[in-house]
Protein backbone atom coordinates (compact mmCIF):
# COMPACT_ATOMS: atom_id res chain seq x y z
CA MET A 1 0.02 -0.03 0.16
CA ARG A 2 3.06 2.05 0.92
CA ILE A 3 4.39 1.66 -2.32
CA LEU A 4 1.46 2.59 -4.24
CA ILE A 5 0.81 5.78 -2.21
CA THR A 6 4.70 6.63 -2.84
CA LEU A 7 3.99 5.82 -6.62
CA PHE A 8 1.19 8.05 -7.04
CA ILE A 9 2.91 11.07 -5.00
CA ILE A 10 5.68 10.84 -7.90
CA LEU A 11 3.21 10.55 -10.70
CA CYS A 12 1.61 13.78 -9.63
CA PHE A 13 4.83 15.62 -9.10
CA ALA A 14 5.96 14.37 -12.82
CA CYS A 15 2.76 15.54 -14.09
CA LYS A 16 2.89 18.98 -12.29
CA GLU A 17 6.27 19.43 -14.03
CA GLN A 18 5.31 18.55 -17.07
CA LYS A 19 2.20 20.78 -16.84
CA GLU A 20 4.63 23.70 -15.75
CA SER A 21 6.95 23.02 -18.68
CA SER A 22 4.80 22.97 -21.19
CA ASN A 23 3.32 26.35 -20.19
CA LYS A 24 6.51 27.90 -20.05
CA GLU A 25 7.16 26.76 -23.85
CA LEU A 26 4.05 28.67 -24.44
CA VAL A 27 5.27 31.57 -22.63
CA GLU A 28 8.64 31.66 -24.07
CA THR A 29 7.29 31.02 -27.74
CA ALA A 30 4.46 34.09 -27.08
CA SER A 31 7.08 36.09 -25.57
CA ASN A 32 9.22 36.54 -29.13
CA LYS A 33 6.23 37.85 -30.97
CA VAL A 34 5.52 41.53 -30.69
CA HIS A 35 2.44 42.88 -32.05
CA GLN A 36 3.24 46.22 -33.64
CA SER A 37 0.25 48.53 -34.42
CA GLU A 38 2.35 51.05 -35.85
CA PHE A 39 2.69 48.74 -38.98
CA GLN A 40 -0.88 48.27 -39.47
CA THR A 41 -0.98 52.18 -39.40
CA ILE A 42 1.46 52.24 -41.81
CA ILE A 43 -0.07 49.79 -44.24
CA ASP A 44 -3.63 51.28 -43.67
CA SER A 45 -2.34 54.92 -44.81
CA ALA A 46 -1.26 53.18 -47.91
CA ASN A 47 -4.30 51.90 -49.12
CA VAL A 48 -3.02 48.27 -49.04
CA ASN A 49 -3.58 44.90 -47.59
CA GLY A 50 -0.62 42.47 -45.58
CA ALA A 51 2.23 42.48 -43.23
CA ILE A 52 5.30 43.62 -42.25
CA LEU A 53 7.61 40.80 -40.36
CA ILE A 54 10.59 42.24 -38.76
CA TYR A 55 12.90 39.79 -37.34
CA ASP A 56 15.90 40.96 -34.70
CA LEU A 57 18.72 38.15 -34.84
CA LYS A 58 20.28 39.42 -31.69
CA LYS A 59 17.01 38.98 -29.25
CA ASP A 60 15.15 36.59 -31.24
CA ILE A 61 11.94 38.65 -31.71
CA TYR A 62 9.82 38.95 -34.34
CA TYR A 63 7.81 42.25 -34.87
CA SER A 64 4.57 42.49 -36.86
CA ASN A 65 1.17 43.97 -37.51
CA ASP A 66 -0.50 40.59 -38.06
CA PHE A 67 0.71 37.18 -36.75
CA ASN A 68 -1.92 35.39 -39.20
CA TRP A 69 -0.72 36.85 -42.20
CA TYR A 70 2.57 35.95 -41.58
CA ASN A 71 2.03 31.91 -42.03
CA LYS A 72 -0.20 32.94 -45.19
CA GLY A 73 1.30 31.18 -47.97
CA ASN A 74 1.99 33.06 -51.24
CA LEU A 75 3.94 32.45 -54.50
CA PRO A 76 7.57 33.15 -53.79
CA ALA A 77 7.48 35.61 -57.20
CA SER A 78 11.27 37.10 -57.92
CA THR A 79 12.15 36.64 -53.98
CA PHE A 80 13.03 32.96 -55.39
CA LYS A 81 15.98 34.43 -57.49
CA ILE A 82 17.91 34.74 -53.91
CA VAL A 83 17.47 30.58 -54.00
CA ASN A 84 17.77 30.02 -57.79
CA THR A 85 21.05 32.38 -57.88
CA ILE A 86 22.68 30.29 -55.11
CA ILE A 87 21.50 26.96 -57.05
CA GLY A 88 22.72 28.02 -60.16
CA LEU A 89 26.29 29.09 -58.51
CA GLU A 90 26.54 25.65 -56.74
CA THR A 91 25.76 23.60 -59.47
CA GLY A 92 27.93 25.69 -62.00
CA VAL A 93 24.96 26.57 -64.33
CA ILE A 94 26.45 30.33 -63.16
CA GLU A 95 29.91 30.12 -63.40
CA SER A 96 30.89 33.46 -61.61
CA ASP A 97 29.77 37.10 -60.16
CA SER A 98 31.30 38.18 -63.71
CA THR A 99 28.51 35.68 -65.56
CA ILE A 100 26.92 37.25 -68.38
CA PHE A 101 23.50 37.06 -69.79
CA LYS A 102 23.12 38.20 -73.45
CA TRP A 103 20.03 39.80 -74.76
CA ASP A 104 18.49 38.03 -77.34
CA GLY A 105 17.51 41.39 -79.30
CA LYS A 106 13.76 41.00 -78.62
CA LYS A 107 11.81 43.51 -76.92
CA LYS A 108 11.12 42.29 -73.05
CA TRP A 109 8.31 43.20 -70.41
CA SER A 110 11.32 46.26 -68.74
CA LYS A 111 13.69 48.30 -70.92
CA ASN A 112 16.13 47.12 -68.26
CA TRP A 113 16.24 43.35 -69.64
CA GLU A 114 16.93 44.76 -73.12
CA GLN A 115 20.58 44.52 -72.82
CA ASP A 116 23.11 42.23 -72.16
CA LEU A 117 23.33 41.89 -68.10
CA VAL A 118 25.96 40.98 -65.51
CA LEU A 119 24.83 38.59 -62.77
CA LYS A 120 24.52 41.50 -60.32
CA ASN A 121 21.99 43.68 -62.72
CA ALA A 122 20.16 40.68 -64.12
CA PHE A 123 19.47 39.81 -60.11
CA GLN A 124 18.57 43.49 -59.42
CA PHE A 125 16.54 44.33 -62.37
CA SER A 126 14.78 41.11 -61.77
CA CYS A 127 15.43 39.75 -65.00
CA VAL A 128 12.52 37.20 -65.67
CA PRO A 129 13.90 35.73 -69.12
CA CYS A 130 17.41 35.38 -67.35
CA TYR A 131 16.65 33.28 -64.06
CA GLN A 132 13.99 31.12 -66.73
CA GLU A 133 17.12 30.16 -68.42
CA VAL A 134 19.40 29.57 -65.39
CA ALA A 135 16.03 26.95 -63.83
CA LYS A 136 15.88 25.07 -67.00
CA LYS A 137 19.76 24.54 -67.19
CA ILE A 138 19.36 23.51 -63.40
CA GLY A 139 16.59 20.91 -64.49
CA ALA A 140 13.45 20.02 -62.07
CA GLN A 141 15.64 17.42 -60.77
CA ARG A 142 17.94 19.03 -59.10
CA MET A 143 15.96 22.08 -58.25
CA ASN A 144 14.08 19.88 -55.92
CA GLU A 145 16.99 18.41 -54.48
CA TYR A 146 18.40 21.88 -53.47
CA VAL A 147 15.03 23.36 -52.61
CA GLN A 148 14.14 20.36 -50.02
CA LYS A 149 18.07 20.72 -48.72
CA PHE A 150 17.37 24.62 -48.38
CA ASN A 151 13.83 23.87 -46.61
CA TYR A 152 12.67 26.66 -48.45
CA GLY A 153 8.79 26.87 -48.61
CA ASN A 154 6.51 24.00 -50.34
CA LEU A 155 7.24 24.48 -54.19
CA LYS A 156 5.59 22.61 -56.84
CA ILE A 157 8.30 21.56 -59.42
CA ASP A 158 8.31 19.17 -62.42
CA THR A 159 9.61 19.29 -65.91
CA THR A 160 6.36 21.18 -67.30
CA THR A 161 7.03 23.83 -64.67
CA ILE A 162 10.61 24.45 -64.50
CA ASP A 163 10.52 27.72 -66.04
CA LYS A 164 7.74 29.24 -63.99
CA PHE A 165 6.90 27.51 -60.56
CA TRP A 166 7.92 30.27 -58.53
CA LEU A 167 5.53 32.74 -60.67
CA GLU A 168 2.18 30.80 -61.17
CA GLY A 169 0.88 27.59 -59.53
CA GLU A 170 0.52 25.97 -56.33
CA SER A 171 4.31 27.03 -54.90
CA ARG A 172 3.68 28.88 -51.96
CA ILE A 173 6.04 30.48 -48.94
CA SER A 174 5.13 32.38 -46.01
CA GLN A 175 6.78 35.34 -44.48
CA ILE A 176 7.98 33.14 -41.16
CA GLN A 177 9.04 30.51 -43.89
CA GLN A 178 11.34 33.85 -45.92
CA ILE A 179 12.53 34.68 -42.32
CA ASP A 180 13.66 31.17 -41.73
CA PHE A 181 15.54 30.87 -44.81
CA LEU A 182 17.25 34.22 -44.59
CA LYS A 183 18.45 33.48 -40.88
CA ARG A 184 20.10 30.62 -42.22
CA PHE A 185 21.75 31.74 -45.12
CA TYR A 186 23.07 34.93 -43.08
CA ASN A 187 24.55 32.67 -40.16
CA LEU A 188 26.42 30.39 -42.93
CA GLU A 189 23.98 27.36 -41.99
CA LEU A 190 22.94 26.67 -45.34
CA PRO A 191 24.99 23.67 -46.95
CA ILE A 192 26.70 25.91 -49.63
CA SER A 193 30.35 27.38 -50.54
CA GLU A 194 31.50 30.20 -48.64
CA ARG A 195 32.04 31.33 -52.20
CA THR A 196 28.80 31.30 -53.05
CA HIS A 197 27.41 33.04 -49.45
CA LYS A 198 30.18 35.46 -50.84
CA ILE A 199 28.46 36.18 -54.18
CA MET A 200 25.10 36.35 -52.78
CA LYS A 201 25.98 38.98 -50.22
CA ASN A 202 27.44 41.34 -52.68
CA ILE A 203 24.62 40.98 -55.54
CA MET A 204 21.84 41.59 -52.69
CA LEU A 205 23.28 44.49 -51.54
CA ILE A 206 20.73 47.53 -52.16
CA ASN A 207 22.36 50.18 -50.08
CA GLU A 208 25.16 51.07 -47.83
CA THR A 209 25.47 53.88 -45.86
CA ALA A 210 27.55 54.84 -42.61
CA LEU A 211 25.03 53.50 -40.69
CA TYR A 212 23.49 50.61 -42.14
CA LYS A 213 23.74 48.08 -44.91
CA LEU A 214 20.61 46.84 -46.99
CA SER A 215 20.29 43.91 -48.66
CA GLY A 216 17.31 41.91 -50.18
CA LYS A 217 14.90 41.07 -53.32
CA THR A 218 11.85 42.29 -54.46
CA GLY A 219 9.10 39.75 -55.80
CA LEU A 220 5.62 40.42 -57.86
CA SER A 221 2.86 38.11 -59.01
CA ASN A 222 0.09 38.27 -60.62
CA GLU A 223 -2.68 35.60 -60.32
CA ASN A 224 -6.28 35.77 -61.73
CA ASP A 225 -6.03 39.61 -61.62
CA ALA A 226 -5.02 39.43 -57.76
CA TYR A 227 -1.56 40.88 -57.43
CA ASN A 228 0.72 40.11 -54.59
CA GLY A 229 4.45 41.84 -53.79
CA TRP A 230 7.06 40.68 -51.73
CA PHE A 231 10.26 42.22 -49.91
CA VAL A 232 12.64 40.42 -48.19
CA GLY A 233 15.96 40.76 -47.01
CA TYR A 234 18.37 42.42 -43.91
CA ILE A 235 19.38 45.17 -42.52
CA GLU A 236 22.96 45.13 -41.10
CA GLN A 237 24.15 47.50 -38.55
CA LYS A 238 27.21 47.70 -36.21
CA ASN A 239 25.79 46.12 -33.59
CA ASN A 240 23.03 43.89 -35.12
CA THR A 241 21.42 42.57 -37.49
CA TYR A 242 17.59 42.86 -38.54
CA LEU A 243 16.14 40.32 -41.08
CA PHE A 244 12.55 41.37 -42.69
CA ALA A 245 9.89 39.93 -44.65
CA THR A 246 6.65 42.19 -46.15
CA ASN A 247 4.07 40.87 -48.05
CA LEU A 248 1.43 43.14 -49.26
CA GLU A 249 -1.70 43.20 -51.63
CA PRO A 250 -3.25 46.29 -53.05
CA THR A 251 -6.93 47.13 -52.44
CA LYS A 252 -9.43 48.10 -55.10
CA GLU A 253 -7.87 51.80 -55.35
CA PHE A 254 -4.53 50.43 -57.31
CA ASP A 255 -1.74 52.18 -58.80
CA PHE A 256 0.36 49.56 -60.04
CA ASN A 257 3.40 51.90 -60.14
CA LEU A 258 2.89 53.18 -56.50
CA PHE A 259 2.28 49.54 -55.22
CA ILE A 260 5.62 48.53 -56.46
CA LYS A 261 7.07 51.55 -54.93
CA LYS A 262 5.47 50.82 -51.50
CA ARG A 263 7.13 46.99 -50.69
CA LEU A 264 10.59 48.97 -49.91
CA ASP A 265 8.99 52.47 -48.45
CA LEU A 266 6.54 51.15 -46.19
CA THR A 267 9.34 48.66 -44.96
CA LEU A 268 11.89 51.09 -44.43
CA GLU A 269 9.02 53.47 -42.72
CA ALA A 270 8.77 50.67 -40.44
CA PHE A 271 12.14 50.36 -39.29
CA LYS A 272 11.80 54.03 -38.28
CA LYS A 273 9.41 53.37 -36.36
CA MET A 274 11.08 51.39 -34.07
CA ASN A 275 13.94 53.86 -34.15
CA ILE A 276 15.84 51.53 -36.19
CA LEU A 277 16.78 53.87 -38.76
CA GLN A 278 16.79 57.39 -38.56
């Protein structure tokens, strides 16, 4: 009888500890997500819908106006050029940062694409035809292998979609998945060479001042006349790095050129509201 009582007491203590441990994990998980109402004000004033997600690398804290939106999957669009470039470099399809993409002389969607482009310009001008050729040369099998190795979103890649799976179809990635990938890239945790990492950091650099470096990639998809826009990347300062993934959709009052610009402008405005940028 004494043995049964002892076992009962031990079991009760074990259950209590397990419950306390579980509650602690929930508190810790909730504590690294901070709701930023200022981000929602920025978004509302710009007549768009969506969320801005900023991650403090040092403090391991996420800031957003909408922690439901940040789990919402969308086409990666041209943000996939980050991964496409990495795989191109790792497989040798892109030989180096000096690789030239030759213009075929035909009219393109963007005037910036109607010229020979070195890798950094092809990336920053978001040259779709250039990267479609890269994807086709990589091939569906290798592309799938690398995407799975990088644990990048939920992409649907086969031989029929190899040159468009990031622009249309069922491929999806969320803001939190974008941040997770960028964090592993930034922390040198991806299974890629140091050379590839160095080239990528160079071509992703958008702006450098005395106070910070801004690196990243925009993306835009249009399915059934429904636009979705991305801006993902990171801001490096002397003492910290902040990763970000902004995802926006236009309201009915829609100006295409303004929407394109807002992806970057609203992200930088959010950093100013947090006193990270001046």
